[in-house]
Amino acid sequence: MQIRFNWGTGIFIFLALFFIAIFSFVYFAFMQNADLVEDDYYPKELTYENQIVKRKNLQKLGEEIRLIQNNKELWLSFPASQKYNDIDGEIYIYRPSDASADRKFKIVLDSLNSQTINADELVNGNYIVKVDWTYQNESFYQELTIIL
């Protein structure tokens, strides 16, 4: 018996392949990770003006945090004009592609006005180091980009 290939068979094959392609695309789309930049982005957007003021304070200061990458360590050196025992704040290591790789650290400076962070637990990739600190009731904010 020979299969006859007429216009009805062609339409059936076309529709079958079309639906397989559509369902494959839908399956693929649902399997993608859709992490937001921030889980609570709306409340943070409302306070973004504060971050702009902190950046302007950093510009007025004229000094920035220096970040040096050493093997599996990150060394952050804070402005020399600020005393290490008066600085309070937080270091947030943010990975844009994977929220589970984000890390937060409290600022604990040594007598050289610096802090060393062990980067062994960080997977290789692109990170944004967000430093938010206060010195003598004045707030500062700086972002640094690193690639491990």
Foldseek 3Di string as FASTA:
>chain_A
DDDDDDPVNVVVVVVVVVVVVVVVVVVVVVPDDDDDQDPPVVVVVVVVVVQVQQAVVVVVVVDQWDWDDDDQKIKIAGDPVAFQVQKWWKKWKADRVDRVQIDMDTDRADRRRMDMDGRPSHDFAKIKIWTWMDGPNRIHIDIDIDTD
